[in-house]
Amino acid sequence: KKNLLDYSKEEYKRVVEINNNNDFARKAYINLGIIALKSKKDKIKGIE
């Protein structure tokens, strides 16, 4: 929400590391996907 996307990405990855098979993990994967779409470095890689 504060547009600190790199920090956000690392925290969502930590969510998945703790437990990759629950509802928090599902939502974290979705949000990691949205952050990847916003990638300015490599758009094609971000989409994949």
All heavy atoms as atom14 arrays in JSON, in Angstrom:
{
  "sequence": "KKNLLDYSKEEYKRVVEINNNNDFARKAYINLGIIALKSKKDKIKGIE",
  "atom14_mask": [
    [1, 1, 1, 1, 1, 1, 1, 1, 1, 0, 0, 0, 0, 0],
    [1, 1, 1, 1, 1, 1, 1, 1, 1, 0, 0, 0, 0, 0],
    [1, 1, 1, 1, 1, 1, 1, 1, 0, 0, 0, 0, 0, 0],
    [1, 1, 1, 1, 1, 1, 1, 1, 0, 0, 0, 0, 0, 0],
    [1, 1, 1, 1, 1, 1, 1, 1, 0, 0, 0, 0, 0, 0],
    [1, 1, 1, 1, 1, 1, 1, 1, 0, 0, 0, 0, 0, 0],
    [1, 1, 1, 1, 1, 1, 1, 1, 1, 1, 1, 1, 0, 0],
    [1, 1, 1, 1, 1, 1, 0, 0, 0, 0, 0, 0, 0, 0],
    [1, 1, 1, 1, 1, 1, 1, 1, 1, 0, 0, 0, 0, 0],
    [1, 1, 1, 1, 1, 1, 1, 1, 1, 0, 0, 0, 0, 0],
    [1, 1, 1, 1, 1, 1, 1, 1, 1, 0, 0, 0, 0, 0],
    [1, 1, 1, 1, 1, 1, 1, 1, 1, 1, 1, 1, 0, 0],
    [1, 1, 1, 1, 1, 1, 1, 1, 1, 0, 0, 0, 0, 0],
    [1, 1, 1, 1, 1, 1, 1, 1, 1, 1, 1, 0, 0, 0],
    [1, 1, 1, 1, 1, 1, 1, 0, 0, 0, 0, 0, 0, 0],
    [1, 1, 1, 1, 1, 1, 1, 0, 0, 0, 0, 0, 0, 0],
    [1, 1, 1, 1, 1, 1, 1, 1, 1, 0, 0, 0, 0, 0],
    [1, 1, 1, 1, 1, 1, 1, 1, 0, 0, 0, 0, 0, 0],
    [1, 1, 1, 1, 1, 1, 1, 1, 0, 0, 0, 0, 0, 0],
    [1, 1, 1, 1, 1, 1, 1, 1, 0, 0, 0, 0, 0, 0],
    [1, 1, 1, 1, 1, 1, 1, 1, 0, 0, 0, 0, 0, 0],
    [1, 1, 1, 1, 1, 1, 1, 1, 0, 0, 0, 0, 0, 0],
    [1, 1, 1, 1, 1, 1, 1, 1, 0, 0, 0, 0, 0, 0],
    [1, 1, 1, 1, 1, 1, 1, 1, 1, 1, 1, 0, 0, 0],
    [1, 1, 1, 1, 1, 0, 0, 0, 0, 0, 0, 0, 0, 0],
    [1, 1, 1, 1, 1, 1, 1, 1, 1, 1, 1, 0, 0, 0],
    [1, 1, 1, 1, 1, 1, 1, 1, 1, 0, 0, 0, 0, 0],
    [1, 1, 1, 1, 1, 0, 0, 0, 0, 0, 0, 0, 0, 0],
    [1, 1, 1, 1, 1, 1, 1, 1, 1, 1, 1, 1, 0, 0],
    [1, 1, 1, 1, 1, 1, 1, 1, 0, 0, 0, 0, 0, 0],
    [1, 1, 1, 1, 1, 1, 1, 1, 0, 0, 0, 0, 0, 0],
    [1, 1, 1, 1, 1, 1, 1, 1, 0, 0, 0, 0, 0, 0],
    [1, 1, 1, 1, 0, 0, 0, 0, 0, 0, 0, 0, 0, 0],
    [1, 1, 1, 1, 1, 1, 1, 1, 0, 0, 0, 0, 0, 0],
    [1, 1, 1, 1, 1, 1, 1, 1, 0, 0, 0, 0, 0, 0],
    [1, 1, 1, 1, 1, 0, 0, 0, 0, 0, 0, 0, 0, 0],
    [1, 1, 1, 1, 1, 1, 1, 1, 0, 0, 0, 0, 0, 0],
    [1, 1, 1, 1, 1, 1, 1, 1, 1, 0, 0, 0, 0, 0],
    [1, 1, 1, 1, 1, 1, 0, 0, 0, 0, 0, 0, 0, 0],
    [1, 1, 1, 1, 1, 1, 1, 1, 1, 0, 0, 0, 0, 0],
    [1, 1, 1, 1, 1, 1, 1, 1, 1, 0, 0, 0, 0, 0],
    [1, 1, 1, 1, 1, 1, 1, 1, 0, 0, 0, 0, 0, 0],
    [1, 1, 1, 1, 1, 1, 1, 1, 1, 0, 0, 0, 0, 0],
    [1, 1, 1, 1, 1, 1, 1, 1, 0, 0, 0, 0, 0, 0],
    [1, 1, 1, 1, 1, 1, 1, 1, 1, 0, 0, 0, 0, 0],
    [1, 1, 1, 1, 0, 0, 0, 0, 0, 0, 0, 0, 0, 0],
    [1, 1, 1, 1, 1, 1, 1, 1, 0, 0, 0, 0, 0, 0],
    [1, 1, 1, 1, 1, 1, 1, 1, 1, 0, 0, 0, 0, 0]
  ],
  "atom14_positions": [
    [[0.83, -1.21, 0.0], [0.0, 0.0, 0.0], [0.86, 1.26, 0.0], [0.45, 2.31, -0.52], [-0.94, 0.0, 1.21], [-2.08, -1.02, 1.12], [-2.91, -1.03, 2.4], [-4.0, -2.08, 2.38], [-5.09, -1.75, 1.47], [0.0, 0.0, 0.0], [0.0, 0.0, 0.0], [0.0, 0.0, 0.0], [0.0, 0.0, 0.0], [0.0, 0.0, 0.0]],
    [[2.05, 1.17, 0.59], [2.97, 2.31, 0.63], [3.9, 2.34, -0.59], [4.84, 3.13, -0.66], [3.78, 2.28, 1.92], [2.94, 2.53, 3.17], [3.74, 2.35, 4.45], [4.66, 3.52, 4.7], [3.95, 4.79, 4.99], [0.0, 0.0, 0.0], [0.0, 0.0, 0.0], [0.0, 0.0, 0.0], [0.0, 0.0, 0.0], [0.0, 0.0, 0.0]],
    [[3.64, 1.44, -1.55], [4.4, 1.32, -2.8], [5.87, 0.95, -2.58], [6.74, 1.26, -3.4], [4.31, 2.63, -3.61], [4.55, 2.38, -5.09], [4.17, 1.33, -5.63], [5.21, 3.31, -5.76], [0.0, 0.0, 0.0], [0.0, 0.0, 0.0], [0.0, 0.0, 0.0], [0.0, 0.0, 0.0], [0.0, 0.0, 0.0], [0.0, 0.0, 0.0]],
    [[6.13, 0.25, -1.48], [7.48, -0.28, -1.22], [7.5, -1.73, -1.72], [7.49, -2.68, -0.95], [7.79, -0.2, 0.28], [7.76, 1.21, 0.88], [7.79, 1.15, 2.41], [8.93, 2.04, 0.37], [0.0, 0.0, 0.0], [0.0, 0.0, 0.0], [0.0, 0.0, 0.0], [0.0, 0.0, 0.0], [0.0, 0.0, 0.0], [0.0, 0.0, 0.0]],
    [[7.54, -1.87, -3.05], [7.26, -3.17, -3.66], [8.34, -4.21, -3.39], [8.03, -5.4, -3.24], [7.05, -3.0, -5.17], [5.87, -2.1, -5.56], [5.68, -2.12, -7.08], [4.58, -2.53, -4.86], [0.0, 0.0, 0.0], [0.0, 0.0, 0.0], [0.0, 0.0, 0.0], [0.0, 0.0, 0.0], [0.0, 0.0, 0.0], [0.0, 0.0, 0.0]],
    [[9.6, -3.79, -3.32], [10.67, -4.76, -3.05], [10.53, -5.35, -1.64], [10.68, -6.55, -1.43], [12.05, -4.11, -3.21], [12.4, -3.87, -4.68], [11.79, -4.53, -5.55], [13.24, -3.0, -4.95], [0.0, 0.0, 0.0], [0.0, 0.0, 0.0], [0.0, 0.0, 0.0], [0.0, 0.0, 0.0], [0.0, 0.0, 0.0], [0.0, 0.0, 0.0]],
    [[10.22, -4.49, -0.67], [10.0, -4.97, 0.71], [8.76, -5.87, 0.77], [8.76, -6.9, 1.44], [9.82, -3.79, 1.66], [11.08, -3.02, 1.94], [11.27, -1.74, 1.41], [12.1, -3.55, 2.73], [12.43, -1.02, 1.66], [13.26, -2.84, 2.99], [13.41, -1.57, 2.45], [14.56, -0.86, 2.7], [0.0, 0.0, 0.0], [0.0, 0.0, 0.0]],
    [[7.73, -5.45, 0.04], [6.49, -6.23, 0.02], [6.74, -7.62, -0.54], [6.29, -8.63, 0.02], [5.45, -5.49, -0.83], [4.24, -6.21, -0.87], [0.0, 0.0, 0.0], [0.0, 0.0, 0.0], [0.0, 0.0, 0.0], [0.0, 0.0, 0.0], [0.0, 0.0, 0.0], [0.0, 0.0, 0.0], [0.0, 0.0, 0.0], [0.0, 0.0, 0.0]],
    [[7.48, -7.68, -1.63], [7.78, -8.97, -2.27], [8.51, -9.92, -1.33], [8.17, -11.1, -1.23], [8.62, -8.73, -3.54], [8.98, -9.98, -4.3], [9.6, -9.64, -5.66], [10.92, -8.95, -5.51], [11.57, -8.69, -6.83], [0.0, 0.0, 0.0], [0.0, 0.0, 0.0], [0.0, 0.0, 0.0], [0.0, 0.0, 0.0], [0.0, 0.0, 0.0]],
    [[9.5, -9.38, -0.6], [10.26, -10.22, 0.32], [9.38, -10.76, 1.45], [9.53, -11.91, 1.86], [11.45, -9.44, 0.89], [12.53, -9.12, -0.13], [12.99, -10.36, -0.89], [13.31, -11.38, -0.24], [13.01, -10.31, -2.14], [0.0, 0.0, 0.0], [0.0, 0.0, 0.0], [0.0, 0.0, 0.0], [0.0, 0.0, 0.0], [0.0, 0.0, 0.0]],
    [[8.48, -9.93, 1.94], [7.58, -10.39, 3.02], [6.6, -11.45, 2.51], [6.33, -12.43, 3.21], [6.82, -9.2, 3.62], [7.67, -8.28, 4.47], [8.26, -8.97, 5.69], [7.61, -9.86, 6.26], [9.38, -8.61, 6.08], [0.0, 0.0, 0.0], [0.0, 0.0, 0.0], [0.0, 0.0, 0.0], [0.0, 0.0, 0.0], [0.0, 0.0, 0.0]],
    [[6.05, -11.26, 1.31], [5.14, -12.27, 0.76], [5.88, -13.6, 0.53], [5.33, -14.67, 0.75], [4.52, -11.79, -0.55], [3.38, -10.82, -0.36], [3.35, -9.62, -1.06], [2.32, -11.1, 0.52], [2.3, -8.72, -0.89], [1.27, -10.21, 0.68], [1.27, -9.02, -0.02], [0.23, -8.14, 0.14], [0.0, 0.0, 0.0], [0.0, 0.0, 0.0]],
    [[7.14, -13.51, 0.11], [7.94, -14.74, -0.06], [8.13, -15.43, 1.28], [8.11, -16.67, 1.36], [9.29, -14.41, -0.69], [9.22, -14.11, -2.18], [10.61, -13.84, -2.73], [10.57, -13.62, -4.24], [11.91, -13.32, -4.79], [0.0, 0.0, 0.0], [0.0, 0.0, 0.0], [0.0, 0.0, 0.0], [0.0, 0.0, 0.0], [0.0, 0.0, 0.0]],
    [[8.3, -14.64, 2.33], [8.47, -15.22, 3.67], [7.19, -15.93, 4.11], [7.24, -16.98, 4.76], [8.83, -14.1, 4.66], [9.07, -14.58, 6.07], [10.37, -15.34, 6.21], [10.52, -15.85, 7.57], [10.57, -17.13, 7.9], [10.49, -18.06, 6.96], [10.72, -17.51, 9.15], [0.0, 0.0, 0.0], [0.0, 0.0, 0.0], [0.0, 0.0, 0.0]],
    [[6.06, -15.36, 3.76], [4.76, -16.0, 4.06], [4.73, -17.41, 3.48], [4.36, -18.38, 4.15], [3.59, -15.17, 3.48], [2.27, -15.94, 3.57], [3.47, -13.84, 4.21], [0.0, 0.0, 0.0], [0.0, 0.0, 0.0], [0.0, 0.0, 0.0], [0.0, 0.0, 0.0], [0.0, 0.0, 0.0], [0.0, 0.0, 0.0], [0.0, 0.0, 0.0]],
    [[5.16, -17.53, 2.24], [5.14, -18.83, 1.54], [6.16, -19.78, 2.15], [5.92, -20.98, 2.25], [5.39, -18.63, 0.03], [5.53, -19.96, -0.67], [4.26, -17.8, -0.58], [0.0, 0.0, 0.0], [0.0, 0.0, 0.0], [0.0, 0.0, 0.0], [0.0, 0.0, 0.0], [0.0, 0.0, 0.0], [0.0, 0.0, 0.0], [0.0, 0.0, 0.0]],
    [[7.31, -19.24, 2.57], [8.34, -20.08, 3.2], [7.82, -20.71, 4.49], [8.12, -21.87, 4.79], [9.59, -19.25, 3.51], [10.44, -18.92, 2.29], [11.55, -17.95, 2.64], [11.77, -17.71, 3.85], [12.19, -17.42, 1.71], [0.0, 0.0, 0.0], [0.0, 0.0, 0.0], [0.0, 0.0, 0.0], [0.0, 0.0, 0.0], [0.0, 0.0, 0.0]],
    [[7.06, -19.96, 5.25], [6.56, -20.46, 6.54], [5.56, -21.59, 6.33], [5.59, -22.61, 7.01], [5.93, -19.3, 7.35], [7.02, -18.32, 7.78], [5.2, -19.84, 8.59], [6.5, -17.01, 8.35], [0.0, 0.0, 0.0], [0.0, 0.0, 0.0], [0.0, 0.0, 0.0], [0.0, 0.0, 0.0], [0.0, 0.0, 0.0], [0.0, 0.0, 0.0]],
    [[4.66, -21.41, 5.37], [3.67, -22.45, 5.05], [3.14, -22.17, 3.65], [2.48, -21.15, 3.42], [2.53, -22.44, 6.07], [1.54, -23.6, 5.84], [1.48, -24.18, 4.76], [0.77, -23.92, 6.86], [0.0, 0.0, 0.0], [0.0, 0.0, 0.0], [0.0, 0.0, 0.0], [0.0, 0.0, 0.0], [0.0, 0.0, 0.0], [0.0, 0.0, 0.0]],
    [[3.45, -23.07, 2.71], [3.06, -22.82, 1.32], [1.76, -23.52, 0.93], [1.48, -23.7, -0.25], [4.18, -23.25, 0.36], [4.43, -24.75, 0.39], [3.8, -25.48, 1.17], [5.34, -25.22, -0.44], [0.0, 0.0, 0.0], [0.0, 0.0, 0.0], [0.0, 0.0, 0.0], [0.0, 0.0, 0.0], [0.0, 0.0, 0.0], [0.0, 0.0, 0.0]],
    [[0.98, -23.9, 1.94], [-0.21, -24.71, 1.63], [-1.44, -24.27, 2.43], [-2.24, -25.09, 2.85], [0.09, -26.19, 1.91], [-0.93, -27.12, 1.29], [-1.5, -26.82, 0.23], [-1.21, -28.23, 1.94], [0.0, 0.0, 0.0], [0.0, 0.0, 0.0], [0.0, 0.0, 0.0], [0.0, 0.0, 0.0], [0.0, 0.0, 0.0], [0.0, 0.0, 0.0]],
    [[-1.57, -22.95, 2.63], [-2.77, -22.47, 3.32], [-3.27, -21.2, 2.64], [-2.75, -20.78, 1.6], [-2.49, -22.25, 4.81], [-1.45, -21.18, 5.07], [-1.01, -20.48, 4.16], [-1.05, -21.03, 6.32], [0.0, 0.0, 0.0], [0.0, 0.0, 0.0], [0.0, 0.0, 0.0], [0.0, 0.0, 0.0], [0.0, 0.0, 0.0], [0.0, 0.0, 0.0]],
    [[-4.28, -20.56, 3.25], [-4.92, -19.42, 2.61], [-4.0, -18.21, 2.54], [-4.05, -17.44, 1.58], [-6.21, -19.06, 3.36], [-7.23, -18.42, 2.45], [-7.39, -18.9, 1.31], [-7.87, -17.44, 2.86], [0.0, 0.0, 0.0], [0.0, 0.0, 0.0], [0.0, 0.0, 0.0], [0.0, 0.0, 0.0], [0.0, 0.0, 0.0], [0.0, 0.0, 0.0]],
    [[-3.15, -18.03, 3.56], [-2.19, -16.93, 3.5], [-1.23, -17.12, 2.32], [-0.88, -16.16, 1.63], [-1.41, -16.82, 4.8], [-2.18, -16.21, 5.94], [-2.4, -16.92, 7.1], [-2.7, -14.93, 5.83], [-3.12, -16.37, 8.15], [-3.43, -14.37, 6.88], [-3.64, -15.1, 8.04], [0.0, 0.0, 0.0], [0.0, 0.0, 0.0], [0.0, 0.0, 0.0]],
    [[-0.8, -18.36, 2.1], [0.09, -18.65, 0.97], [-0.61, -18.36, -0.35], [-0.02, -17.77, -1.26], [0.55, -20.1, 1.03], [0.0, 0.0, 0.0], [0.0, 0.0, 0.0], [0.0, 0.0, 0.0], [0.0, 0.0, 0.0], [0.0, 0.0, 0.0], [0.0, 0.0, 0.0], [0.0, 0.0, 0.0], [0.0, 0.0, 0.0], [0.0, 0.0, 0.0]],
    [[-1.88, -18.77, -0.46], [-2.64, -18.53, -1.7], [-2.69, -17.02, -2.0], [-2.39, -16.59, -3.12], [-4.05, -19.08, -1.55], [-4.97, -18.78, -2.74], [-6.39, -19.22, -2.47], [-7.01, -18.47, -1.39], [-7.54, -17.26, -1.52], [-7.5, -16.65, -2.69], [-8.1, -16.66, -0.49], [0.0, 0.0, 0.0], [0.0, 0.0, 0.0], [0.0, 0.0, 0.0]],
    [[-3.03, -16.23, -1.0], [-3.11, -14.79, -1.2], [-1.74, -14.18, -1.49], [-1.62, -13.25, -2.29], [-3.73, -14.13, 0.02], [-5.22, -14.46, 0.2], [-5.77, -13.81, 1.46], [-7.23, -14.15, 1.66], [-7.78, -13.56, 2.91], [0.0, 0.0, 0.0], [0.0, 0.0, 0.0], [0.0, 0.0, 0.0], [0.0, 0.0, 0.0], [0.0, 0.0, 0.0]],
    [[-0.71, -14.73, -0.83], [0.65, -14.23, -1.07], [1.07, -14.5, -2.51], [1.67, -13.63, -3.16], [1.62, -14.89, -0.09], [0.0, 0.0, 0.0], [0.0, 0.0, 0.0], [0.0, 0.0, 0.0], [0.0, 0.0, 0.0], [0.0, 0.0, 0.0], [0.0, 0.0, 0.0], [0.0, 0.0, 0.0], [0.0, 0.0, 0.0], [0.0, 0.0, 0.0]],
    [[0.76, -15.7, -3.04], [1.09, -16.01, -4.44], [0.39, -15.03, -5.38], [1.0, -14.54, -6.36], [0.66, -17.43, -4.77], [1.62, -18.51, -4.32], [1.16, -19.65, -3.64], [2.98, -18.43, -4.59], [2.03, -20.64, -3.22], [3.86, -19.42, -4.18], [3.38, -20.53, -3.5], [4.25, -21.51, -3.1], [0.0, 0.0, 0.0], [0.0, 0.0, 0.0]],
    [[-0.88, -14.74, -5.11], [-1.62, -13.79, -5.96], [-0.94, -12.42, -5.93], [-0.71, -11.8, -6.98], [-3.09, -13.67, -5.51], [-3.84, -14.98, -5.76], [-3.79, -12.52, -6.24], [-5.22, -15.05, -5.12], [0.0, 0.0, 0.0], [0.0, 0.0, 0.0], [0.0, 0.0, 0.0], [0.0, 0.0, 0.0], [0.0, 0.0, 0.0], [0.0, 0.0, 0.0]],
    [[-0.6, -11.96, -4.75], [0.0, -10.63, -4.62], [1.41, -10.59, -5.19], [1.83, -9.56, -5.74], [-0.01, -10.2, -3.16], [-1.42, -9.96, -2.65], [-2.32, -9.67, -3.43], [-1.63, -10.09, -1.35], [0.0, 0.0, 0.0], [0.0, 0.0, 0.0], [0.0, 0.0, 0.0], [0.0, 0.0, 0.0], [0.0, 0.0, 0.0], [0.0, 0.0, 0.0]],
    [[2.15, -11.69, -5.08], [3.46, -11.76, -5.74], [3.29, -11.66, -7.26], [4.11, -11.04, -7.94], [4.16, -13.07, -5.37], [4.82, -13.1, -3.98], [5.17, -14.53, -3.58], [6.07, -12.22, -3.95], [0.0, 0.0, 0.0], [0.0, 0.0, 0.0], [0.0, 0.0, 0.0], [0.0, 0.0, 0.0], [0.0, 0.0, 0.0], [0.0, 0.0, 0.0]],
    [[2.22, -12.26, -7.76], [1.93, -12.15, -9.19], [1.65, -10.72, -9.6], [2.16, -10.24, -10.63], [0.0, 0.0, 0.0], [0.0, 0.0, 0.0], [0.0, 0.0, 0.0], [0.0, 0.0, 0.0], [0.0, 0.0, 0.0], [0.0, 0.0, 0.0], [0.0, 0.0, 0.0], [0.0, 0.0, 0.0], [0.0, 0.0, 0.0], [0.0, 0.0, 0.0]],
    [[0.85, -10.01, -8.81], [0.53, -8.61, -9.12], [1.79, -7.75, -9.08], [2.0, -6.88, -9.95], [-0.5, -8.07, -8.11], [-1.81, -8.86, -8.18], [-0.76, -6.58, -8.36], [-2.51, -8.81, -9.51], [0.0, 0.0, 0.0], [0.0, 0.0, 0.0], [0.0, 0.0, 0.0], [0.0, 0.0, 0.0], [0.0, 0.0, 0.0], [0.0, 0.0, 0.0]],
    [[2.66, -7.99, -8.09], [3.91, -7.23, -8.0], [4.8, -7.53, -9.22], [5.41, -6.62, -9.79], [4.66, -7.56, -6.69], [3.87, -7.02, -5.49], [6.08, -6.98, -6.7], [4.37, -7.48, -4.14], [0.0, 0.0, 0.0], [0.0, 0.0, 0.0], [0.0, 0.0, 0.0], [0.0, 0.0, 0.0], [0.0, 0.0, 0.0], [0.0, 0.0, 0.0]],
    [[4.85, -8.8, -9.61], [5.67, -9.16, -10.78], [5.18, -8.45, -12.04], [5.98, -8.05, -12.9], [5.63, -10.67, -10.98], [0.0, 0.0, 0.0], [0.0, 0.0, 0.0], [0.0, 0.0, 0.0], [0.0, 0.0, 0.0], [0.0, 0.0, 0.0], [0.0, 0.0, 0.0], [0.0, 0.0, 0.0], [0.0, 0.0, 0.0], [0.0, 0.0, 0.0]],
    [[3.86, -8.26, -12.15], [3.3, -7.55, -13.32], [3.76, -6.1, -13.37], [3.8, -5.5, -14.44], [1.77, -7.58, -13.29], [1.06, -8.83, -13.8], [-0.44, -8.64, -13.72], [1.48, -9.17, -15.22], [0.0, 0.0, 0.0], [0.0, 0.0, 0.0], [0.0, 0.0, 0.0], [0.0, 0.0, 0.0], [0.0, 0.0, 0.0], [0.0, 0.0, 0.0]],
    [[4.08, -5.55, -12.19], [4.49, -4.14, -12.13], [5.98, -3.97, -12.4], [6.49, -2.84, -12.35], [4.16, -3.57, -10.75], [2.66, -3.48, -10.45], [2.44, -3.0, -9.02], [0.96, -2.87, -8.69], [0.36, -1.66, -9.28], [0.0, 0.0, 0.0], [0.0, 0.0, 0.0], [0.0, 0.0, 0.0], [0.0, 0.0, 0.0], [0.0, 0.0, 0.0]],
    [[6.68, -5.05, -12.68], [8.13, -5.0, -12.89], [8.49, -4.08, -14.06], [7.94, -4.2, -15.15], [8.68, -6.4, -13.15], [10.05, -6.34, -13.5], [0.0, 0.0, 0.0], [0.0, 0.0, 0.0], [0.0, 0.0, 0.0], [0.0, 0.0, 0.0], [0.0, 0.0, 0.0], [0.0, 0.0, 0.0], [0.0, 0.0, 0.0], [0.0, 0.0, 0.0]],
    [[9.41, -3.15, -13.79], [9.84, -2.22, -14.84], [11.16, -2.67, -15.48], [11.56, -2.16, -16.51], [10.0, -0.83, -14.25], [8.68, -0.22, -13.77], [8.89, 1.15, -13.14], [7.57, 1.72, -12.65], [7.75, 3.04, -11.98], [0.0, 0.0, 0.0], [0.0, 0.0, 0.0], [0.0, 0.0, 0.0], [0.0, 0.0, 0.0], [0.0, 0.0, 0.0]],
    [[11.84, -3.64, -14.85], [13.15, -4.06, -15.35], [13.02, -4.91, -16.6], [13.69, -4.71, -17.59], [13.9, -4.83, -14.25], [14.26, -3.98, -13.04], [14.94, -4.82, -11.97], [15.23, -3.97, -10.72], [15.83, -4.78, -9.64], [0.0, 0.0, 0.0], [0.0, 0.0, 0.0], [0.0, 0.0, 0.0], [0.0, 0.0, 0.0], [0.0, 0.0, 0.0]],
    [[12.17, -5.92, -16.54], [12.01, -6.86, -17.66], [10.54, -7.26, -17.71], [10.1, -8.16, -16.99], [12.91, -8.08, -17.43], [12.92, -9.01, -18.64], [11.95, -8.98, -19.43], [13.89, -9.78, -18.78], [0.0, 0.0, 0.0], [0.0, 0.0, 0.0], [0.0, 0.0, 0.0], [0.0, 0.0, 0.0], [0.0, 0.0, 0.0], [0.0, 0.0, 0.0]],
    [[9.79, -6.6, -18.59], [8.34, -6.79, -18.62], [7.98, -8.23, -18.97], [7.08, -8.83, -18.35], [7.71, -5.84, -19.64], [6.2, -5.88, -19.63], [5.59, -4.85, -20.55], [4.08, -4.94, -20.51], [3.44, -3.95, -21.41], [0.0, 0.0, 0.0], [0.0, 0.0, 0.0], [0.0, 0.0, 0.0], [0.0, 0.0, 0.0], [0.0, 0.0, 0.0]],
    [[8.66, -8.82, -19.96], [8.33, -10.18, -20.38], [8.58, -11.18, -19.25], [7.74, -12.03, -18.96], [9.15, -10.57, -21.64], [8.73, -9.69, -22.82], [8.95, -12.05, -21.97], [9.58, -9.85, -24.04], [0.0, 0.0, 0.0], [0.0, 0.0, 0.0], [0.0, 0.0, 0.0], [0.0, 0.0, 0.0], [0.0, 0.0, 0.0], [0.0, 0.0, 0.0]],
    [[9.73, -11.02, -18.6], [10.06, -11.91, -17.48], [9.07, -11.71, -16.34], [8.65, -12.67, -15.67], [11.48, -11.64, -17.0], [12.02, -12.68, -16.02], [13.48, -12.41, -15.71], [14.02, -13.43, -14.72], [15.45, -13.18, -14.39], [0.0, 0.0, 0.0], [0.0, 0.0, 0.0], [0.0, 0.0, 0.0], [0.0, 0.0, 0.0], [0.0, 0.0, 0.0]],
    [[8.66, -10.46, -16.1], [7.71, -10.15, -15.05], [6.37, -10.82, -15.3], [5.75, -11.36, -14.37], [0.0, 0.0, 0.0], [0.0, 0.0, 0.0], [0.0, 0.0, 0.0], [0.0, 0.0, 0.0], [0.0, 0.0, 0.0], [0.0, 0.0, 0.0], [0.0, 0.0, 0.0], [0.0, 0.0, 0.0], [0.0, 0.0, 0.0], [0.0, 0.0, 0.0]],
    [[5.93, -10.83, -16.56], [4.65, -11.46, -16.91], [4.71, -12.96, -16.67], [3.77, -13.56, -16.14], [4.28, -11.15, -18.39], [3.91, -9.67, -18.53], [3.14, -12.04, -18.86], [3.76, -9.22, -19.97], [0.0, 0.0, 0.0], [0.0, 0.0, 0.0], [0.0, 0.0, 0.0], [0.0, 0.0, 0.0], [0.0, 0.0, 0.0], [0.0, 0.0, 0.0]],
    [[5.82, -13.58, -17.06], [5.96, -15.03, -16.87], [6.0, -15.4, -15.38], [5.41, -16.39, -14.96], [7.23, -15.53, -17.58], [7.19, -15.41, -19.09], [5.94, -16.03, -19.7], [5.58, -17.16, -19.31], [5.3, -15.37, -20.53], [0.0, 0.0, 0.0], [0.0, 0.0, 0.0], [0.0, 0.0, 0.0], [0.0, 0.0, 0.0], [0.0, 0.0, 0.0]]
  ]
}
